[in-house]
């Protein structure tokens, strides 16, 4: 199987207004860009958790840029 892209777009029939981006590499997470809520798919050590906390803004920015690039390709 080919390696997954770093980011994937997802939608949900349960949350029609939500815009989900999935980050497939460490740290794996799903972010709802509508409200910036993150669902982590990792178990963090104390050190990992500290690093993740410092990097959250960076990952939100990356996910948002990915979404913007994908949407602009459809326009």
PDB file of N, CA and C in Angstrom:
ATOM      1  N   UNK A   1       0.836  -1.175   0.000  1.00  0.00           N
ATOM      2  CA  UNK A   1       0.000   0.000   0.000  1.00  0.00           C
ATOM      3  C   UNK A   1       0.883   1.240   0.000  1.00  0.00           C
ATOM      4  N   UNK A   2       0.468   2.235  -0.772  1.00  0.00           N
ATOM      5  CA  UNK A   2       1.198   3.491  -0.797  1.00  0.00           C
ATOM      6  C   UNK A   2       1.070   4.206   0.543  1.00  0.00           C
ATOM      7  N   UNK A   3       2.051   5.026   0.833  1.00  0.00           N
ATOM      8  CA  UNK A   3       2.000   5.801   2.065  1.00  0.00           C
ATOM      9  C   UNK A   3       0.916   6.866   1.943  1.00  0.00           C
ATOM     10  N   UNK A   4       0.180   7.051   3.017  1.00  0.00           N
ATOM     11  CA  UNK A   4      -0.873   8.065   3.024  1.00  0.00           C
ATOM     12  C   UNK A   4      -0.273   9.462   2.936  1.00  0.00           C
ATOM     13  N   UNK A   5      -1.008  10.405   2.357  1.00  0.00           N
ATOM     14  CA  UNK A   5      -0.562  11.800   2.396  1.00  0.00           C
ATOM     15  C   UNK A   5      -0.541  12.283   3.846  1.00  0.00           C
ATOM     16  N   UNK A   6       0.205  13.329   4.096  1.00  0.00           N
ATOM     17  CA  UNK A   6       0.294  13.851   5.474  1.00  0.00           C
ATOM     18  C   UNK A   6      -1.055  14.364   5.964  1.00  0.00           C
ATOM     19  N   UNK A   7      -1.845  14.975   5.079  1.00  0.00           N
ATOM     20  CA  UNK A   7      -3.160  15.489   5.440  1.00  0.00           C
ATOM     21  C   UNK A   7      -4.221  14.908   4.523  1.00  0.00           C
ATOM     22  N   UNK A   8      -5.420  14.694   5.085  1.00  0.00           N
ATOM     23  CA  UNK A   8      -6.585  14.254   4.332  1.00  0.00           C
ATOM     24  C   UNK A   8      -7.778  15.117   4.731  1.00  0.00           C
ATOM     25  N   UNK A   9      -8.674  15.387   3.780  1.00  0.00           N
ATOM     26  CA  UNK A   9      -9.932  16.073   4.076  1.00  0.00           C
ATOM     27  C   UNK A   9     -10.983  15.032   4.407  1.00  0.00           C
ATOM     28  N   UNK A  10     -11.900  15.375   5.307  1.00  0.00           N
ATOM     29  CA  UNK A  10     -12.980  14.462   5.660  1.00  0.00           C
ATOM     30  C   UNK A  10     -14.247  15.272   5.921  1.00  0.00           C
ATOM     31  N   UNK A  11     -15.380  14.627   5.691  1.00  0.00           N
ATOM     32  CA  UNK A  11     -16.633  15.272   6.037  1.00  0.00           C
ATOM     33  C   UNK A  11     -17.474  14.283   6.828  1.00  0.00           C
ATOM     34  N   UNK A  12     -18.574  14.785   7.372  1.00  0.00           N
ATOM     35  CA  UNK A  12     -19.406  13.955   8.206  1.00  0.00           C
ATOM     36  C   UNK A  12     -20.864  14.333   8.012  1.00  0.00           C
ATOM     37  N   UNK A  13     -21.698  13.353   7.827  1.00  0.00           N
ATOM     38  CA  UNK A  13     -23.128  13.623   7.708  1.00  0.00           C
ATOM     39  C   UNK A  13     -23.720  14.019   9.058  1.00  0.00           C
ATOM     40  N   UNK A  14     -23.015  13.737  10.145  1.00  0.00           N
ATOM     41  CA  UNK A  14     -23.485  14.108  11.482  1.00  0.00           C
ATOM     42  C   UNK A  14     -23.168  15.554  11.823  1.00  0.00           C
ATOM     43  N   UNK A  15     -22.120  16.095  11.237  1.00  0.00           N
ATOM     44  CA  UNK A  15     -21.672  17.465  11.537  1.00  0.00           C
ATOM     45  C   UNK A  15     -21.545  18.218  10.214  1.00  0.00           C
ATOM     46  N   UNK A  16     -22.656  18.664   9.694  1.00  0.00           N
ATOM     47  CA  UNK A  16     -22.689  19.239   8.342  1.00  0.00           C
ATOM     48  C   UNK A  16     -21.858  20.502   8.184  1.00  0.00           C
ATOM     49  N   UNK A  17     -21.711  21.287   9.224  1.00  0.00           N
ATOM     50  CA  UNK A  17     -20.963  22.534   9.133  1.00  0.00           C
ATOM     51  C   UNK A  17     -19.466  22.347   9.392  1.00  0.00           C
ATOM     52  N   UNK A  18     -19.078  21.178   9.863  1.00  0.00           N
ATOM     53  CA  UNK A  18     -17.691  20.927  10.244  1.00  0.00           C
ATOM     54  C   UNK A  18     -16.802  20.747   9.017  1.00  0.00           C
ATOM     55  N   UNK A  19     -15.553  21.151   9.156  1.00  0.00           N
ATOM     56  CA  UNK A  19     -14.523  20.957   8.141  1.00  0.00           C
ATOM     57  C   UNK A  19     -13.398  20.188   8.837  1.00  0.00           C
ATOM     58  N   UNK A  20     -13.272  18.904   8.517  1.00  0.00           N
ATOM     59  CA  UNK A  20     -12.284  18.062   9.174  1.00  0.00           C
ATOM     60  C   UNK A  20     -11.047  17.877   8.303  1.00  0.00           C
ATOM     61  N   UNK A  21      -9.882  18.003   8.934  1.00  0.00           N
ATOM     62  CA  UNK A  21      -8.614  17.669   8.309  1.00  0.00           C
ATOM     63  C   UNK A  21      -7.948  16.639   9.216  1.00  0.00           C
ATOM     64  N   UNK A  22      -7.476  15.559   8.610  1.00  0.00           N
ATOM     65  CA  UNK A  22      -6.816  14.489   9.351  1.00  0.00           C
ATOM     66  C   UNK A  22      -5.319  14.571   9.093  1.00  0.00           C
ATOM     67  N   UNK A  23      -4.541  14.590  10.157  1.00  0.00           N
ATOM     68  CA  UNK A  23      -3.084  14.558  10.071  1.00  0.00           C
ATOM     69  C   UNK A  23      -2.663  13.112  10.290  1.00  0.00           C
ATOM     70  N   UNK A  24      -2.038  12.493   9.293  1.00  0.00           N
ATOM     71  CA  UNK A  24      -1.790  11.051   9.317  1.00  0.00           C
ATOM     72  C   UNK A  24      -0.427  10.636   9.871  1.00  0.00           C
ATOM     73  N   UNK A  25       0.454  11.608  10.121  1.00  0.00           N
ATOM     74  CA  UNK A  25       1.763  11.281  10.681  1.00  0.00           C
ATOM     75  C   UNK A  25       1.824  11.774  12.126  1.00  0.00           C
ATOM     76  N   UNK A  26       2.850  11.339  12.844  1.00  0.00           N
ATOM     77  CA  UNK A  26       2.950  11.718  14.251  1.00  0.00           C
ATOM     78  C   UNK A  26       3.079  13.220  14.409  1.00  0.00           C
ATOM     79  N   UNK A  27       2.302  13.787  15.268  1.00  0.00           N
ATOM     80  CA  UNK A  27       1.225  13.218  16.063  1.00  0.00           C
ATOM     81  C   UNK A  27      -0.062  13.175  15.250  1.00  0.00           C
ATOM     82  N   UNK A  28      -0.682  12.032  15.201  1.00  0.00           N
ATOM     83  CA  UNK A  28      -1.904  11.881  14.411  1.00  0.00           C
ATOM     84  C   UNK A  28      -3.068  12.551  15.138  1.00  0.00           C
ATOM     85  N   UNK A  29      -3.864  13.279  14.363  1.00  0.00           N
ATOM     86  CA  UNK A  29      -5.021  13.959  14.947  1.00  0.00           C
ATOM     87  C   UNK A  29      -6.026  14.301  13.865  1.00  0.00           C
ATOM     88  N   UNK A  30      -7.231  14.629  14.310  1.00  0.00           N
ATOM     89  CA  UNK A  30      -8.269  15.174  13.452  1.00  0.00           C
ATOM     90  C   UNK A  30      -8.596  16.546  14.004  1.00  0.00           C
ATOM     91  N   UNK A  31      -8.615  17.544  13.124  1.00  0.00           N
ATOM     92  CA  UNK A  31      -8.961  18.892  13.555  1.00  0.00           C
ATOM     93  C   UNK A  31     -10.232  19.326  12.822  1.00  0.00           C
ATOM     94  N   UNK A  32     -11.121  19.936  13.569  1.00  0.00           N
ATOM     95  CA  UNK A  32     -12.310  20.540  12.988  1.00  0.00           C
ATOM     96  C   UNK A  32     -11.967  22.008  12.782  1.00  0.00           C
ATOM     97  N   UNK A  33     -11.775  22.426  11.547  1.00  0.00           N
ATOM     98  CA  UNK A  33     -11.358  23.802  11.274  1.00  0.00           C
ATOM     99  C   UNK A  33     -12.453  24.814  11.555  1.00  0.00           C
ATOM    100  N   UNK A  34     -13.680  24.353  11.732  1.00  0.00           N
ATOM    101  CA  UNK A  34     -14.768  25.262  12.065  1.00  0.00           C
ATOM    102  C   UNK A  34     -14.546  25.870  13.448  1.00  0.00           C
ATOM    103  N   UNK A  35     -14.007  25.068  14.379  1.00  0.00           N
ATOM    104  CA  UNK A  35     -13.830  25.558  15.751  1.00  0.00           C
ATOM    105  C   UNK A  35     -12.451  25.241  16.346  1.00  0.00           C
ATOM    106  N   UNK A  36     -11.542  24.724  15.534  1.00  0.00           N
ATOM    107  CA  UNK A  36     -10.170  24.374  15.934  1.00  0.00           C
ATOM    108  C   UNK A  36     -10.094  23.304  17.032  1.00  0.00           C
ATOM    109  N   UNK A  37     -11.140  22.504  17.193  1.00  0.00           N
ATOM    110  CA  UNK A  37     -11.081  21.397  18.139  1.00  0.00           C
ATOM    111  C   UNK A  37     -10.233  20.283  17.550  1.00  0.00           C
ATOM    112  N   UNK A  38      -9.351  19.735  18.383  1.00  0.00           N
ATOM    113  CA  UNK A  38      -8.455  18.666  17.945  1.00  0.00           C
ATOM    114  C   UNK A  38      -8.769  17.398  18.718  1.00  0.00           C
ATOM    115  N   UNK A  39      -8.879  16.304  17.980  1.00  0.00           N
ATOM    116  CA  UNK A  39      -9.019  14.982  18.564  1.00  0.00           C
ATOM    117  C   UNK A  39      -7.701  14.257  18.299  1.00  0.00           C
ATOM    118  N   UNK A  40      -6.940  13.994  19.366  1.00  0.00           N
ATOM    119  CA  UNK A  40      -5.636  13.347  19.229  1.00  0.00           C
ATOM    120  C   UNK A  40      -5.815  11.851  19.076  1.00  0.00           C
ATOM    121  N   UNK A  41      -5.058  11.239  18.194  1.00  0.00           N
ATOM    122  CA  UNK A  41      -5.050   9.799  18.004  1.00  0.00           C
ATOM    123  C   UNK A  41      -3.732   9.207  18.497  1.00  0.00           C
ATOM    124  N   UNK A  42      -3.152   9.846  19.463  1.00  0.00           N
ATOM    125  CA  UNK A  42      -1.871   9.404  20.018  1.00  0.00           C
ATOM    126  C   UNK A  42      -1.963   9.315  21.534  1.00  0.00           C
ATOM    127  N   UNK A  43      -1.126   8.481  22.098  1.00  0.00           N
ATOM    128  CA  UNK A  43      -0.890   8.477  23.534  1.00  0.00           C
ATOM    129  C   UNK A  43       0.457   9.149  23.725  1.00  0.00           C
ATOM    130  N   UNK A  44       0.475  10.220  24.481  1.00  0.00           N
ATOM    131  CA  UNK A  44       1.690  11.011  24.631  1.00  0.00           C
ATOM    132  C   UNK A  44       2.427  10.680  25.920  1.00  0.00           C
ATOM    133  N   UNK A  45       3.755  10.641  25.816  1.00  0.00           N
ATOM    134  CA  UNK A  45       4.568  10.645  27.026  1.00  0.00           C
ATOM    135  C   UNK A  45       4.550  12.080  27.541  1.00  0.00           C
ATOM    136  N   UNK A  46       5.048  12.311  28.728  1.00  0.00           N
ATOM    137  CA  UNK A  46       5.066  13.668  29.275  1.00  0.00           C
ATOM    138  C   UNK A  46       5.867  14.600  28.367  1.00  0.00           C
ATOM    139  N   UNK A  47       6.997  14.113  27.846  1.00  0.00           N
ATOM    140  CA  UNK A  47       7.835  14.925  26.961  1.00  0.00           C
ATOM    141  C   UNK A  47       7.111  15.214  25.642  1.00  0.00           C
ATOM    142  N   UNK A  48       6.482  14.177  25.067  1.00  0.00           N
ATOM    143  CA  UNK A  48       5.732  14.360  23.822  1.00  0.00           C
ATOM    144  C   UNK A  48       4.600  15.362  24.000  1.00  0.00           C
ATOM    145  N   UNK A  49       3.923  15.287  25.145  1.00  0.00           N
ATOM    146  CA  UNK A  49       2.793  16.175  25.395  1.00  0.00           C
ATOM    147  C   UNK A  49       3.249  17.626  25.464  1.00  0.00           C
ATOM    148  N   UNK A  50       4.395  17.861  26.071  1.00  0.00           N
ATOM    149  CA  UNK A  50       4.943  19.214  26.157  1.00  0.00           C
ATOM    150  C   UNK A  50       5.272  19.744  24.757  1.00  0.00           C
ATOM    151  N   UNK A  51       5.902  18.916  23.943  1.00  0.00           N
ATOM    152  CA  UNK A  51       6.238  19.319  22.574  1.00  0.00           C
ATOM    153  C   UNK A  51       4.963  19.566  21.776  1.00  0.00           C
ATOM    154  N   UNK A  52       3.981  18.684  21.903  1.00  0.00           N
ATOM    155  CA  UNK A  52       2.719  18.833  21.168  1.00  0.00           C
ATOM    156  C   UNK A  52       2.024  20.131  21.554  1.00  0.00           C
ATOM    157  N   UNK A  53       2.024  20.453  22.822  1.00  0.00           N
ATOM    158  CA  UNK A  53       1.394  21.690  23.287  1.00  0.00           C
ATOM    159  C   UNK A  53       2.055  22.900  22.651  1.00  0.00           C
ATOM    160  N   UNK A  54       3.361  22.871  22.513  1.00  0.00           N
ATOM    161  CA  UNK A  54       4.090  23.982  21.912  1.00  0.00           C
ATOM    162  C   UNK A  54       3.847  24.073  20.409  1.00  0.00           C
ATOM    163  N   UNK A  55       3.542  22.960  19.766  1.00  0.00           N
ATOM    164  CA  UNK A  55       3.414  22.901  18.314  1.00  0.00           C
ATOM    165  C   UNK A  55       1.975  22.992  17.799  1.00  0.00           C
ATOM    166  N   UNK A  56       0.982  23.046  18.679  1.00  0.00           N
ATOM    167  CA  UNK A  56      -0.420  23.026  18.252  1.00  0.00           C
ATOM    168  C   UNK A  56      -0.713  24.127  17.240  1.00  0.00           C
ATOM    169  N   UNK A  57      -0.282  25.329  17.489  1.00  0.00           N
ATOM    170  CA  UNK A  57      -0.555  26.444  16.568  1.00  0.00           C
ATOM    171  C   UNK A  57       0.032  26.157  15.182  1.00  0.00           C
ATOM    172  N   UNK A  58       1.212  25.571  15.149  1.00  0.00           N
ATOM    173  CA  UNK A  58       1.854  25.221  13.882  1.00  0.00           C
ATOM    174  C   UNK A  58       1.008  24.212  13.103  1.00  0.00           C
ATOM    175  N   UNK A  59       0.507  23.173  13.791  1.00  0.00           N
ATOM    176  CA  UNK A  59      -0.279  22.146  13.122  1.00  0.00           C
ATOM    177  C   UNK A  59      -1.626  22.690  12.659  1.00  0.00           C
ATOM    178  N   UNK A  60      -2.226  23.576  13.437  1.00  0.00           N
ATOM    179  CA  UNK A  60      -3.479  24.207  13.005  1.00  0.00           C
ATOM    180  C   UNK A  60      -3.224  25.017  11.740  1.00  0.00           C
ATOM    181  N   UNK A  61      -2.126  25.740  11.714  1.00  0.00           N
ATOM    182  CA  UNK A  61      -1.776  26.535  10.531  1.00  0.00           C
ATOM    183  C   UNK A  61      -1.549  25.625   9.320  1.00  0.00           C
ATOM    184  N   UNK A  62      -0.825  24.533   9.501  1.00  0.00           N
ATOM    185  CA  UNK A  62      -0.567  23.601   8.398  1.00  0.00           C
ATOM    186  C   UNK A  62      -1.871  22.995   7.877  1.00  0.00           C
ATOM    187  N   UNK A  63      -2.747  22.588   8.785  1.00  0.00           N
ATOM    188  CA  UNK A  63      -4.021  21.993   8.385  1.00  0.00           C
ATOM    189  C   UNK A  63      -4.873  23.002   7.628  1.00  0.00           C
ATOM    190  N   UNK A  64      -4.872  24.242   8.089  1.00  0.00           N
ATOM    191  CA  UNK A  64      -5.638  25.295   7.429  1.00  0.00           C
ATOM    192  C   UNK A  64      -5.082  25.579   6.040  1.00  0.00           C
ATOM    193  N   UNK A  65      -3.769  25.640   5.905  1.00  0.00           N
ATOM    194  CA  UNK A  65      -3.151  25.861   4.595  1.00  0.00           C
ATOM    195  C   UNK A  65      -3.476  24.715   3.648  1.00  0.00           C
ATOM    196  N   UNK A  66      -3.418  23.485   4.141  1.00  0.00           N
ATOM    197  CA  UNK A  66      -3.768  22.330   3.319  1.00  0.00           C
ATOM    198  C   UNK A  66      -5.202  22.458   2.825  1.00  0.00           C
ATOM    199  N   UNK A  67      -6.121  22.772   3.718  1.00  0.00           N
ATOM    200  CA  UNK A  67      -7.523  22.929   3.342  1.00  0.00           C
ATOM    201  C   UNK A  67      -7.682  24.022   2.281  1.00  0.00           C
ATOM    202  N   UNK A  68      -7.066  25.170   2.511  1.00  0.00           N
ATOM    203  CA  UNK A  68      -7.169  26.284   1.564  1.00  0.00           C
ATOM    204  C   UNK A  68      -6.644  25.895   0.184  1.00  0.00           C
ATOM    205  N   UNK A  69      -5.528  25.171   0.136  1.00  0.00           N
ATOM    206  CA  UNK A  69      -4.961  24.725  -1.137  1.00  0.00           C
ATOM    207  C   UNK A  69      -5.906  23.761  -1.850  1.00  0.00           C
ATOM    208  N   UNK A  70      -6.493  22.847  -1.091  1.00  0.00           N
ATOM    209  CA  UNK A  70      -7.403  21.882  -1.699  1.00  0.00           C
ATOM    210  C   UNK A  70      -8.651  22.556  -2.248  1.00  0.00           C
ATOM    211  N   UNK A  71      -9.216  23.466  -1.498  1.00  0.00           N
ATOM    212  CA  UNK A  71     -10.423  24.160  -1.922  1.00  0.00           C
ATOM    213  C   UNK A  71     -10.139  25.055  -3.126  1.00  0.00           C
ATOM    214  N   UNK A  72      -8.995  25.718  -3.143  1.00  0.00           N
ATOM    215  CA  UNK A  72      -8.673  26.582  -4.280  1.00  0.00           C
ATOM    216  C   UNK A  72      -8.500  25.778  -5.568  1.00  0.00           C
ATOM    217  N   UNK A  73      -8.106  24.523  -5.457  1.00  0.00           N
ATOM    218  CA  UNK A  73      -7.960  23.683  -6.651  1.00  0.00           C
ATOM    219  C   UNK A  73      -9.318  23.328  -7.267  1.00  0.00           C
ATOM    220  N   UNK A  74     -10.387  23.415  -6.495  1.00  0.00           N
ATOM    221  CA  UNK A  74     -11.726  23.134  -7.007  1.00  0.00           C
ATOM    222  C   UNK A  74     -12.387  24.354  -7.635  1.00  0.00           C
ATOM    223  N   UNK A  75     -11.874  25.535  -7.334  1.00  0.00           N
ATOM    224  CA  UNK A  75     -12.497  26.770  -7.830  1.00  0.00           C
ATOM    225  C   UNK A  75     -12.096  27.107  -9.237  1.00  0.00           C
TER     226      UNK A  75
END
